[in-house]
């Protein structure tokens, strides 16, 4: 038997992306961004997300 727990904290709305680095302070380790790369790149959302992650000084892996 095993137990798997995934704590969830959802932050959304205007300005939510600006809180990303601060939200990561509670979690150690690397960051995995899972997205559909072509759309995220074309809209600029991926670049904005990566820029918001930069102050957290973490290794970021993108899975498309």
Protein backbone atom coordinates (compact mmCIF):
# COMPACT_ATOMS: atom_id res chain seq x y z
CA UNK A 1 0.00 0.00 0.00
CA UNK A 2 1.12 3.56 -0.60
CA UNK A 3 -0.23 7.06 -0.24
CA UNK A 4 0.37 9.80 -2.78
CA UNK A 5 -0.56 13.36 -1.82
CA UNK A 6 -0.39 16.31 -4.17
CA UNK A 7 -0.92 19.63 -2.42
CA UNK A 8 -2.49 22.20 -4.73
CA UNK A 9 -2.28 25.96 -4.65
CA UNK A 10 -3.96 27.72 -7.57
CA UNK A 11 -3.28 31.42 -8.14
CA UNK A 12 -5.11 33.00 -11.05
CA UNK A 13 -6.37 36.31 -12.33
CA UNK A 14 -4.82 39.62 -13.29
CA UNK A 15 -1.24 39.83 -12.07
CA UNK A 16 -1.00 36.16 -11.07
CA UNK A 17 2.07 35.60 -13.23
CA UNK A 18 3.87 38.31 -11.25
CA UNK A 19 3.48 36.15 -8.11
CA UNK A 20 5.08 33.06 -9.64
CA UNK A 21 8.59 33.47 -8.21
CA UNK A 22 7.20 34.27 -4.75
CA UNK A 23 4.98 31.18 -4.84
CA UNK A 24 8.01 29.02 -5.62
CA UNK A 25 9.76 30.10 -2.43
CA UNK A 26 7.83 27.43 -0.53
CA UNK A 27 9.02 24.63 -2.83
CA UNK A 28 12.62 23.47 -3.29
CA UNK A 29 14.02 22.07 -6.51
CA UNK A 30 13.64 22.51 -10.22
CA UNK A 31 10.65 23.71 -12.22
CA UNK A 32 8.88 21.70 -14.92
CA UNK A 33 6.76 23.73 -17.34
CA UNK A 34 4.34 21.49 -19.25
CA UNK A 35 2.74 23.20 -22.23
CA UNK A 36 1.83 23.07 -25.89
CA UNK A 37 4.94 24.87 -27.07
CA UNK A 38 3.87 26.29 -30.43
CA UNK A 39 0.84 28.14 -29.07
CA UNK A 40 2.61 29.24 -25.90
CA UNK A 41 5.53 30.59 -27.93
CA UNK A 42 3.35 32.26 -30.57
CA UNK A 43 1.31 34.11 -27.96
CA UNK A 44 4.37 35.11 -25.93
CA UNK A 45 3.02 33.41 -22.80
CA UNK A 46 5.98 31.04 -22.53
CA UNK A 47 8.47 33.94 -22.66
CA UNK A 48 6.49 35.81 -19.99
CA UNK A 49 6.38 32.68 -17.83
CA UNK A 50 10.13 32.12 -18.14
CA UNK A 51 10.78 35.79 -17.33
CA UNK A 52 8.56 35.49 -14.24
CA UNK A 53 10.50 32.38 -13.16
CA UNK A 54 13.92 34.02 -13.56
CA UNK A 55 13.97 35.71 -10.10
CA UNK A 56 13.41 32.31 -8.48
CA UNK A 57 16.85 31.25 -9.76
CA UNK A 58 15.78 27.68 -10.51
CA UNK A 59 16.57 25.23 -13.27
CA UNK A 60 13.56 25.26 -15.62
CA UNK A 61 12.75 22.35 -17.93
CA UNK A 62 10.13 22.81 -20.64
CA UNK A 63 8.12 19.76 -21.72
CA UNK A 64 6.17 20.35 -24.91
